[in-house]
Amino acid sequence: MDLNLKDKVALVTGGSKGIGQAIVRSLLDEGADVANVNRSEAEGRALEAEYAERGQRCKFIQADLTDEAACRRAVEQTVAEFGRIDILVNNAGVNDGVGL
């Protein structure tokens, strides 16, 4: 499938595992550059390294998204690395153990 994402820049929160990782992989596979903003450094760095070996740009940015200043820094780092943001995926979430 061609989503015409070549040379687009995406910022994805919570992109190191589960649905978020699938989103990051899909965006990269469609040609986008991705900033993966997440708390988990080990998982984020592994994904970054995997796609770097393929010549694709997947930048891991570690941030606690409950901290507003950290969110600002993540956006600033993304723009510094890629020059802009074309796509924003707010995937990060918290499961606090409380049922609906």
PDB file of N, CA and C in Angstrom:
ATOM      1  N   MET A   1       0.852  -1.169   0.000  1.00  0.00           N
ATOM      2  CA  MET A   1       0.000   0.000   0.000  1.00  0.00           C
ATOM      3  C   MET A   1       0.901   1.236   0.000  1.00  0.00           C
ATOM      4  N   ASP A   2       0.604   2.221  -0.808  1.00  0.00           N
ATOM      5  CA  ASP A   2       1.373   3.457  -0.854  1.00  0.00           C
ATOM      6  C   ASP A   2       0.540   4.584  -0.253  1.00  0.00           C
ATOM      7  N   LEU A   3       0.944   5.019   0.937  1.00  0.00           N
ATOM      8  CA  LEU A   3       0.234   6.102   1.617  1.00  0.00           C
ATOM      9  C   LEU A   3       0.847   7.466   1.313  1.00  0.00           C
ATOM     10  N   ASN A   4       1.833   7.491   0.402  1.00  0.00           N
ATOM     11  CA  ASN A   4       2.473   8.738  -0.008  1.00  0.00           C
ATOM     12  C   ASN A   4       3.120   9.447   1.187  1.00  0.00           C
ATOM     13  N   LEU A   5       3.849   8.682   2.012  1.00  0.00           N
ATOM     14  CA  LEU A   5       4.484   9.244   3.203  1.00  0.00           C
ATOM     15  C   LEU A   5       5.977   9.471   3.033  1.00  0.00           C
ATOM     16  N   LYS A   6       6.516   9.216   1.852  1.00  0.00           N
ATOM     17  CA  LYS A   6       7.945   9.413   1.629  1.00  0.00           C
ATOM     18  C   LYS A   6       8.307  10.858   1.951  1.00  0.00           C
ATOM     19  N   ASP A   7       9.350  10.996   2.751  1.00  0.00           N
ATOM     20  CA  ASP A   7       9.872  12.300   3.166  1.00  0.00           C
ATOM     21  C   ASP A   7       8.958  13.066   4.121  1.00  0.00           C
ATOM     22  N   LYS A   8       7.931  12.433   4.656  1.00  0.00           N
ATOM     23  CA  LYS A   8       7.115  13.047   5.706  1.00  0.00           C
ATOM     24  C   LYS A   8       7.780  12.758   7.048  1.00  0.00           C
ATOM     25  N   VAL A   9       7.512  13.589   8.031  1.00  0.00           N
ATOM     26  CA  VAL A   9       8.072  13.420   9.369  1.00  0.00           C
ATOM     27  C   VAL A   9       6.933  13.189  10.350  1.00  0.00           C
ATOM     28  N   ALA A  10       7.033  12.085  11.087  1.00  0.00           N
ATOM     29  CA  ALA A  10       6.004  11.738  12.070  1.00  0.00           C
ATOM     30  C   ALA A  10       6.597  11.739  13.472  1.00  0.00           C
ATOM     31  N   LEU A  11       5.840  12.250  14.418  1.00  0.00           N
ATOM     32  CA  LEU A  11       6.168  12.129  15.830  1.00  0.00           C
ATOM     33  C   LEU A  11       5.118  11.195  16.419  1.00  0.00           C
ATOM     34  N   VAL A  12       5.592  10.087  17.009  1.00  0.00           N
ATOM     35  CA  VAL A  12       4.691   9.089  17.590  1.00  0.00           C
ATOM     36  C   VAL A  12       5.014   8.956  19.070  1.00  0.00           C
ATOM     37  N   THR A  13       4.012   9.132  19.932  1.00  0.00           N
ATOM     38  CA  THR A  13       4.222   8.902  21.358  1.00  0.00           C
ATOM     39  C   THR A  13       3.855   7.457  21.675  1.00  0.00           C
ATOM     40  N   GLY A  14       4.601   6.870  22.610  1.00  0.00           N
ATOM     41  CA  GLY A  14       4.322   5.488  22.998  1.00  0.00           C
ATOM     42  C   GLY A  14       4.567   4.508  21.869  1.00  0.00           C
ATOM     43  N   GLY A  15       5.633   4.731  21.105  1.00  0.00           N
ATOM     44  CA  GLY A  15       5.856   3.930  19.904  1.00  0.00           C
ATOM     45  C   GLY A  15       6.823   2.779  20.039  1.00  0.00           C
ATOM     46  N   SER A  16       7.181   2.376  21.237  1.00  0.00           N
ATOM     47  CA  SER A  16       8.192   1.331  21.377  1.00  0.00           C
ATOM     48  C   SER A  16       7.648  -0.070  21.568  1.00  0.00           C
ATOM     49  N   LYS A  17       6.350  -0.201  21.805  1.00  0.00           N
ATOM     50  CA  LYS A  17       5.786  -1.548  21.938  1.00  0.00           C
ATOM     51  C   LYS A  17       4.307  -1.525  21.590  1.00  0.00           C
ATOM     52  N   GLY A  18       3.768  -2.701  21.362  1.00  0.00           N
ATOM     53  CA  GLY A  18       2.343  -2.848  21.101  1.00  0.00           C
ATOM     54  C   GLY A  18       1.867  -2.107  19.868  1.00  0.00           C
ATOM     55  N   ILE A  19       0.692  -1.494  19.989  1.00  0.00           N
ATOM     56  CA  ILE A  19       0.086  -0.767  18.872  1.00  0.00           C
ATOM     57  C   ILE A  19       0.995   0.376  18.415  1.00  0.00           C
ATOM     58  N   GLY A  20       1.610   1.067  19.353  1.00  0.00           N
ATOM     59  CA  GLY A  20       2.502   2.170  18.996  1.00  0.00           C
ATOM     60  C   GLY A  20       3.662   1.720  18.137  1.00  0.00           C
ATOM     61  N   GLN A  21       4.252   0.585  18.482  1.00  0.00           N
ATOM     62  CA  GLN A  21       5.355   0.062  17.675  1.00  0.00           C
ATOM     63  C   GLN A  21       4.873  -0.312  16.277  1.00  0.00           C
ATOM     64  N   ALA A  22       3.684  -0.885  16.189  1.00  0.00           N
ATOM     65  CA  ALA A  22       3.121  -1.224  14.874  1.00  0.00           C
ATOM     66  C   ALA A  22       2.913   0.042  14.040  1.00  0.00           C
ATOM     67  N   ILE A  23       2.493   1.122  14.676  1.00  0.00           N
ATOM     68  CA  ILE A  23       2.317   2.398  13.976  1.00  0.00           C
ATOM     69  C   ILE A  23       3.667   2.906  13.476  1.00  0.00           C
ATOM     70  N   VAL A  24       4.678   2.897  14.348  1.00  0.00           N
ATOM     71  CA  VAL A  24       6.020   3.345  13.954  1.00  0.00           C
ATOM     72  C   VAL A  24       6.523   2.526  12.776  1.00  0.00           C
ATOM     73  N   ARG A  25       6.403   1.210  12.868  1.00  0.00           N
ATOM     74  CA  ARG A  25       6.870   0.337  11.782  1.00  0.00           C
ATOM     75  C   ARG A  25       6.125   0.626  10.479  1.00  0.00           C
ATOM     76  N   SER A  26       4.831   0.819  10.556  1.00  0.00           N
ATOM     77  CA  SER A  26       4.039   1.102   9.350  1.00  0.00           C
ATOM     78  C   SER A  26       4.467   2.418   8.709  1.00  0.00           C
ATOM     79  N   LEU A  27       4.651   3.442   9.529  1.00  0.00           N
ATOM     80  CA  LEU A  27       5.088   4.736   9.000  1.00  0.00           C
ATOM     81  C   LEU A  27       6.457   4.624   8.333  1.00  0.00           C
ATOM     82  N   LEU A  28       7.385   3.938   8.992  1.00  0.00           N
ATOM     83  CA  LEU A  28       8.718   3.751   8.420  1.00  0.00           C
ATOM     84  C   LEU A  28       8.654   2.942   7.131  1.00  0.00           C
ATOM     85  N   ASP A  29       7.857   1.892   7.140  1.00  0.00           N
ATOM     86  CA  ASP A  29       7.732   1.052   5.946  1.00  0.00           C
ATOM     87  C   ASP A  29       7.126   1.815   4.774  1.00  0.00           C
ATOM     88  N   GLU A  30       6.359   2.861   5.074  1.00  0.00           N
ATOM     89  CA  GLU A  30       5.756   3.690   4.025  1.00  0.00           C
ATOM     90  C   GLU A  30       6.649   4.869   3.628  1.00  0.00           C
ATOM     91  N   GLY A  31       7.859   4.937   4.222  1.00  0.00           N
ATOM     92  CA  GLY A  31       8.823   5.942   3.798  1.00  0.00           C
ATOM     93  C   GLY A  31       8.945   7.171   4.669  1.00  0.00           C
ATOM     94  N   ALA A  32       8.194   7.244   5.753  1.00  0.00           N
ATOM     95  CA  ALA A  32       8.279   8.407   6.645  1.00  0.00           C
ATOM     96  C   ALA A  32       9.520   8.310   7.533  1.00  0.00           C
ATOM     97  N   ASP A  33       9.990   9.456   8.000  1.00  0.00           N
ATOM     98  CA  ASP A  33      10.973   9.528   9.072  1.00  0.00           C
ATOM     99  C   ASP A  33      10.169   9.645  10.364  1.00  0.00           C
ATOM    100  N   VAL A  34      10.633   8.971  11.429  1.00  0.00           N
ATOM    101  CA  VAL A  34       9.823   8.910  12.647  1.00  0.00           C
ATOM    102  C   VAL A  34      10.630   9.290  13.884  1.00  0.00           C
ATOM    103  N   ALA A  35      10.036  10.152  14.709  1.00  0.00           N
ATOM    104  CA  ALA A  35      10.523  10.409  16.056  1.00  0.00           C
ATOM    105  C   ALA A  35       9.634   9.587  16.985  1.00  0.00           C
ATOM    106  N   ASN A  36      10.243   8.635  17.680  1.00  0.00           N
ATOM    107  CA  ASN A  36       9.534   7.742  18.584  1.00  0.00           C
ATOM    108  C   ASN A  36       9.757   8.243  20.006  1.00  0.00           C
ATOM    109  N   VAL A  37       8.743   8.847  20.598  1.00  0.00           N
ATOM    110  CA  VAL A  37       8.858   9.439  21.930  1.00  0.00           C
ATOM    111  C   VAL A  37       8.268   8.467  22.945  1.00  0.00           C
ATOM    112  N   ASN A  38       9.126   8.036  23.875  1.00  0.00           N
ATOM    113  CA  ASN A  38       8.715   6.998  24.803  1.00  0.00           C
ATOM    114  C   ASN A  38       9.573   7.062  26.054  1.00  0.00           C
ATOM    115  N   ARG A  39       9.102   6.427  27.109  1.00  0.00           N
ATOM    116  CA  ARG A  39       9.848   6.351  28.357  1.00  0.00           C
ATOM    117  C   ARG A  39      10.903   5.247  28.336  1.00  0.00           C
ATOM    118  N   SER A  40      10.605   4.147  27.665  1.00  0.00           N
ATOM    119  CA  SER A  40      11.453   2.957  27.695  1.00  0.00           C
ATOM    120  C   SER A  40      12.644   3.082  26.749  1.00  0.00           C
ATOM    121  N   GLU A  41      13.813   3.327  27.311  1.00  0.00           N
ATOM    122  CA  GLU A  41      14.997   3.532  26.479  1.00  0.00           C
ATOM    123  C   GLU A  41      15.426   2.266  25.747  1.00  0.00           C
ATOM    124  N   ALA A  42      15.439   1.122  26.424  1.00  0.00           N
ATOM    125  CA  ALA A  42      15.918  -0.112  25.787  1.00  0.00           C
ATOM    126  C   ALA A  42      15.103  -0.445  24.543  1.00  0.00           C
ATOM    127  N   GLU A  43      13.783  -0.395  24.663  1.00  0.00           N
ATOM    128  CA  GLU A  43      12.926  -0.724  23.518  1.00  0.00           C
ATOM    129  C   GLU A  43      13.036   0.330  22.423  1.00  0.00           C
ATOM    130  N   GLY A  44      13.106   1.585  22.809  1.00  0.00           N
ATOM    131  CA  GLY A  44      13.218   2.672  21.835  1.00  0.00           C
ATOM    132  C   GLY A  44      14.519   2.624  21.061  1.00  0.00           C
ATOM    133  N   ARG A  45      15.614   2.375  21.756  1.00  0.00           N
ATOM    134  CA  ARG A  45      16.926   2.293  21.093  1.00  0.00           C
ATOM    135  C   ARG A  45      17.001   1.076  20.169  1.00  0.00           C
ATOM    136  N   ALA A  46      16.397  -0.032  20.570  1.00  0.00           N
ATOM    137  CA  ALA A  46      16.416  -1.233  19.723  1.00  0.00           C
ATOM    138  C   ALA A  46      15.709  -0.975  18.397  1.00  0.00           C
ATOM    139  N   LEU A  47      14.563  -0.320  18.450  1.00  0.00           N
ATOM    140  CA  LEU A  47      13.816  -0.007  17.227  1.00  0.00           C
ATOM    141  C   LEU A  47      14.597   0.988  16.364  1.00  0.00           C
ATOM    142  N   GLU A  48      15.193   1.979  17.005  1.00  0.00           N
ATOM    143  CA  GLU A  48      16.013   2.965  16.298  1.00  0.00           C
ATOM    144  C   GLU A  48      17.160   2.265  15.556  1.00  0.00           C
ATOM    145  N   ALA A  49      17.852   1.357  16.238  1.00  0.00           N
ATOM    146  CA  ALA A  49      18.989   0.644  15.637  1.00  0.00           C
ATOM    147  C   ALA A  49      18.548  -0.262  14.494  1.00  0.00           C
ATOM    148  N   GLU A  50      17.429  -0.945  14.674  1.00  0.00           N
ATOM    149  CA  GLU A  50      16.922  -1.845  13.632  1.00  0.00           C
ATOM    150  C   GLU A  50      16.696  -1.096  12.325  1.00  0.00           C
ATOM    151  N   TYR A  51      16.060   0.064  12.403  1.00  0.00           N
ATOM    152  CA  TYR A  51      15.764   0.814  11.183  1.00  0.00           C
ATOM    153  C   TYR A  51      16.976   1.577  10.667  1.00  0.00           C
ATOM    154  N   ALA A  52      17.911   1.938  11.535  1.00  0.00           N
ATOM    155  CA  ALA A  52      19.151   2.584  11.084  1.00  0.00           C
ATOM    156  C   ALA A  52      19.938   1.629  10.192  1.00  0.00           C
ATOM    157  N   GLU A  53      19.917   0.337  10.534  1.00  0.00           N
ATOM    158  CA  GLU A  53      20.600  -0.667   9.709  1.00  0.00           C
ATOM    159  C   GLU A  53      20.011  -0.727   8.308  1.00  0.00           C
ATOM    160  N   ARG A  54      18.758  -0.356   8.171  1.00  0.00           N
ATOM    161  CA  ARG A  54      18.082  -0.354   6.869  1.00  0.00           C
ATOM    162  C   ARG A  54      18.218   0.992   6.163  1.00  0.00           C
ATOM    163  N   GLY A  55      18.887   1.934   6.817  1.00  0.00           N
ATOM    164  CA  GLY A  55      19.065   3.252   6.223  1.00  0.00           C
ATOM    165  C   GLY A  55      17.875   4.173   6.410  1.00  0.00           C
ATOM    166  N   GLN A  56      17.013   3.853   7.383  1.00  0.00           N
ATOM    167  CA  GLN A  56      15.831   4.680   7.634  1.00  0.00           C
ATOM    168  C   GLN A  56      16.012   5.471   8.920  1.00  0.00           C
ATOM    169  N   ARG A  57      15.344   6.606   8.993  1.00  0.00           N
ATOM    170  CA  ARG A  57      15.496   7.500  10.134  1.00  0.00           C
ATOM    171  C   ARG A  57      14.370   7.294  11.141  1.00  0.00           C
ATOM    172  N   CYS A  58      14.737   6.632  12.232  1.00  0.00           N
ATOM    173  CA  CYS A  58      13.825   6.419  13.354  1.00  0.00           C
ATOM    174  C   CYS A  58      14.559   6.910  14.592  1.00  0.00           C
ATOM    175  N   LYS A  59      14.243   8.100  15.042  1.00  0.00           N
ATOM    176  CA  LYS A  59      14.939   8.726  16.161  1.00  0.00           C
ATOM    177  C   LYS A  59      14.179   8.455  17.454  1.00  0.00           C
ATOM    178  N   PHE A  60      14.852   7.819  18.415  1.00  0.00           N
ATOM    179  CA  PHE A  60      14.246   7.610  19.726  1.00  0.00           C
ATOM    180  C   PHE A  60      14.476   8.848  20.582  1.00  0.00           C
ATOM    181  N   ILE A  61      13.413   9.337  21.213  1.00  0.00           N
ATOM    182  CA  ILE A  61      13.496  10.458  22.141  1.00  0.00           C
ATOM    183  C   ILE A  61      12.864  10.007  23.452  1.00  0.00           C
ATOM    184  N   GLN A  62      13.677   9.943  24.498  1.00  0.00           N
ATOM    185  CA  GLN A  62      13.158   9.511  25.796  1.00  0.00           C
ATOM    186  C   GLN A  62      12.488  10.689  26.489  1.00  0.00           C
ATOM    187  N   ALA A  63      11.258  10.469  26.931  1.00  0.00           N
ATOM    188  CA  ALA A  63      10.525  11.534  27.618  1.00  0.00           C
ATOM    189  C   ALA A  63       9.416  10.948  28.473  1.00  0.00           C
ATOM    190  N   ASP A  64       9.193  11.576  29.612  1.00  0.00           N
ATOM    191  CA  ASP A  64       8.046  11.270  30.460  1.00  0.00           C
ATOM    192  C   ASP A  64       6.928  12.205  30.016  1.00  0.00           C
ATOM    193  N   LEU A  65       5.954  11.666  29.319  1.00  0.00           N
ATOM    194  CA  LEU A  65       4.917  12.496  28.715  1.00  0.00           C
ATOM    195  C   LEU A  65       3.889  13.027  29.710  1.00  0.00           C
ATOM    196  N   THR A  66       4.067  12.717  30.987  1.00  0.00           N
ATOM    197  CA  THR A  66       3.231  13.346  32.011  1.00  0.00           C
ATOM    198  C   THR A  66       3.822  14.695  32.431  1.00  0.00           C
ATOM    199  N   ASP A  67       5.017  15.003  31.919  1.00  0.00           N
ATOM    200  CA  ASP A  67       5.729  16.242  32.235  1.00  0.00           C
ATOM    201  C   ASP A  67       5.656  17.180  31.026  1.00  0.00           C
ATOM    202  N   GLU A  68       4.959  18.310  31.180  1.00  0.00           N
ATOM    203  CA  GLU A  68       4.754  19.240  30.064  1.00  0.00           C
ATOM    204  C   GLU A  68       6.071  19.724  29.461  1.00  0.00           C
ATOM    205  N   ALA A  69       7.058  20.008  30.300  1.00  0.00           N
ATOM    206  CA  ALA A  69       8.354  20.478  29.792  1.00  0.00           C
ATOM    207  C   ALA A  69       9.031  19.394  28.951  1.00  0.00           C
ATOM    208  N   ALA A  70       8.889  18.143  29.356  1.00  0.00           N
ATOM    209  CA  ALA A  70       9.465  17.036  28.586  1.00  0.00           C
ATOM    210  C   ALA A  70       8.783  16.911  27.225  1.00  0.00           C
ATOM    211  N   CYS A  71       7.490  17.164  27.186  1.00  0.00           N
ATOM    212  CA  CYS A  71       6.758  17.143  25.905  1.00  0.00           C
ATOM    213  C   CYS A  71       7.284  18.222  24.974  1.00  0.00           C
ATOM    214  N   ARG A  72       7.496  19.401  25.522  1.00  0.00           N
ATOM    215  CA  ARG A  72       8.041  20.509  24.715  1.00  0.00           C
ATOM    216  C   ARG A  72       9.416  20.151  24.154  1.00  0.00           C
ATOM    217  N   ARG A  73      10.254  19.574  25.016  1.00  0.00           N
ATOM    218  CA  ARG A  73      11.600  19.189  24.577  1.00  0.00           C
ATOM    219  C   ARG A  73      11.536  18.131  23.480  1.00  0.00           C
ATOM    220  N   ALA A  74      10.603  17.200  23.590  1.00  0.00           N
ATOM    221  CA  ALA A  74      10.465  16.155  22.569  1.00  0.00           C
ATOM    222  C   ALA A  74      10.106  16.761  21.216  1.00  0.00           C
ATOM    223  N   VAL A  75       9.206  17.731  21.222  1.00  0.00           N
ATOM    224  CA  VAL A  75       8.843  18.422  19.973  1.00  0.00           C
ATOM    225  C   VAL A  75      10.050  19.186  19.437  1.00  0.00           C
ATOM    226  N   GLU A  76      10.747  19.897  20.315  1.00  0.00           N
ATOM    227  CA  GLU A  76      11.926  20.662  19.895  1.00  0.00           C
ATOM    228  C   GLU A  76      13.002  19.747  19.320  1.00  0.00           C
ATOM    229  N   GLN A  77      13.229  18.586  19.956  1.00  0.00           N
ATOM    230  CA  GLN A  77      14.224  17.635  19.459  1.00  0.00           C
ATOM    231  C   GLN A  77      13.820  17.080  18.095  1.00  0.00           C
ATOM    232  N   THR A  78      12.540  16.828  17.918  1.00  0.00           N
ATOM    233  CA  THR A  78      12.058  16.315  16.634  1.00  0.00           C
ATOM    234  C   THR A  78      12.305  17.335  15.532  1.00  0.00           C
ATOM    235  N   VAL A  79      11.959  18.578  15.793  1.00  0.00           N
ATOM    236  CA  VAL A  79      12.157  19.634  14.790  1.00  0.00           C
ATOM    237  C   VAL A  79      13.651  19.854  14.536  1.00  0.00           C
ATOM    238  N   ALA A  80      14.470  19.786  15.580  1.00  0.00           N
ATOM    239  CA  ALA A  80      15.916  19.939  15.402  1.00  0.00           C
ATOM    240  C   ALA A  80      16.484  18.813  14.536  1.00  0.00           C
ATOM    241  N   GLU A  81      15.989  17.605  14.729  1.00  0.00           N
ATOM    242  CA  GLU A  81      16.486  16.437  13.989  1.00  0.00           C
ATOM    243  C   GLU A  81      15.977  16.403  12.552  1.00  0.00           C
ATOM    244  N   PHE A  82      14.679  16.679  12.358  1.00  0.00           N
ATOM    245  CA  PHE A  82      14.046  16.470  11.052  1.00  0.00           C
ATOM    246  C   PHE A  82      13.599  17.756  10.348  1.00  0.00           C
ATOM    247  N   GLY A  83      13.587  18.877  11.056  1.00  0.00           N
ATOM    248  CA  GLY A  83      13.227  20.143  10.437  1.00  0.00           C
ATOM    249  C   GLY A  83      11.760  20.524  10.530  1.00  0.00           C
ATOM    250  N   ARG A  84      10.910  19.573  10.841  1.00  0.00           N
ATOM    251  CA  ARG A  84       9.464  19.855  10.909  1.00  0.00           C
ATOM    252  C   ARG A  84       8.747  18.619  11.451  1.00  0.00           C
ATOM    253  N   ILE A  85       7.437  18.753  11.648  1.00  0.00           N
ATOM    254  CA  ILE A  85       6.561  17.623  11.980  1.00  0.00           C
ATOM    255  C   ILE A  85       5.368  17.703  11.039  1.00  0.00           C
ATOM    256  N   ASP A  86       5.146  16.637  10.272  1.00  0.00           N
ATOM    257  CA  ASP A  86       4.000  16.566   9.362  1.00  0.00           C
ATOM    258  C   ASP A  86       2.850  15.751   9.947  1.00  0.00           C
ATOM    259  N   ILE A  87       3.195  14.772  10.776  1.00  0.00           N
ATOM    260  CA  ILE A  87       2.209  13.817  11.297  1.00  0.00           C
ATOM    261  C   ILE A  87       2.424  13.694  12.804  1.00  0.00           C
ATOM    262  N   LEU A  88       1.346  13.742  13.575  1.00  0.00           N
ATOM    263  CA  LEU A  88       1.417  13.537  15.019  1.00  0.00           C
ATOM    264  C   LEU A  88       0.487  12.393  15.391  1.00  0.00           C
ATOM    265  N   VAL A  89       1.047  11.373  16.066  1.00  0.00           N
ATOM    266  CA  VAL A  89       0.244  10.256  16.557  1.00  0.00           C
ATOM    267  C   VAL A  89       0.383  10.233  18.078  1.00  0.00           C
ATOM    268  N   ASN A  90      -0.690  10.572  18.777  1.00  0.00           N
ATOM    269  CA  ASN A  90      -0.712  10.543  20.239  1.00  0.00           C
ATOM    270  C   ASN A  90      -1.192   9.168  20.687  1.00  0.00           C
ATOM    271  N   ASN A  91      -0.250   8.243  20.834  1.00  0.00           N
ATOM    272  CA  ASN A  91      -0.580   6.871  21.173  1.00  0.00           C
ATOM    273  C   ASN A  91      -0.309   6.540  22.639  1.00  0.00           C
ATOM    274  N   ALA A  92       0.561   7.294  23.299  1.00  0.00           N
ATOM    275  CA  ALA A  92       0.943   6.970  24.672  1.00  0.00           C
ATOM    276  C   ALA A  92      -0.278   6.986  25.580  1.00  0.00           C
ATOM    277  N   GLY A  93      -0.283   6.068  26.508  1.00  0.00           N
ATOM    278  CA  GLY A  93      -1.384   5.997  27.456  1.00  0.00           C
ATOM    279  C   GLY A  93      -0.925   5.385  28.758  1.00  0.00           C
ATOM    280  N   VAL A  94      -1.763   5.478  29.743  1.00  0.00           N
ATOM    281  CA  VAL A  94      -1.457   4.947  31.063  1.00  0.00           C
ATOM    282  C   VAL A  94      -2.586   4.031  31.483  1.00  0.00           C
ATOM    283  N   ASN A  95      -2.220   2.857  31.948  1.00  0.00           N
ATOM    284  CA  ASN A  95      -3.199   1.941  32.519  1.00  0.00           C
ATOM    285  C   ASN A  95      -2.991   1.984  34.020  1.00  0.00           C
ATOM    286  N   ASP A  96      -3.863   2.681  34.702  1.00  0.00           N
ATOM    287  CA  ASP A  96      -3.692   2.857  36.141  1.00  0.00           C
ATOM    288  C   ASP A  96      -4.363   1.766  36.971  1.00  0.00           C
ATOM    289  N   GLY A  97      -4.836   0.728  36.313  1.00  0.00           N
ATOM    290  CA  GLY A  97      -5.425  -0.389  37.029  1.00  0.00           C
ATOM    291  C   GLY A  97      -6.874  -0.194  37.435  1.00  0.00           C
ATOM    292  N   VAL A  98      -7.466   0.913  37.064  1.00  0.00           N
ATOM    293  CA  VAL A  98      -8.859   1.182  37.405  1.00  0.00           C
ATOM    294  C   VAL A  98      -9.740   0.769  36.238  1.00  0.00           C
ATOM    295  N   GLY A  99     -10.704  -0.088  36.489  1.00  0.00           N
ATOM    296  CA  GLY A  99     -11.608  -0.540  35.437  1.00  0.00           C
ATOM    297  C   GLY A  99     -12.596   0.538  35.036  1.00  0.00           C
ATOM    298  N   LEU A 100     -13.191   0.335  33.907  1.00  0.00           N
ATOM    299  CA  LEU A 100     -14.178   1.315  33.427  1.00  0.00           C
ATOM    300  C   LEU A 100     -15.504   1.081  34.085  1.00  0.00           C
TER     301      LEU A 100
END
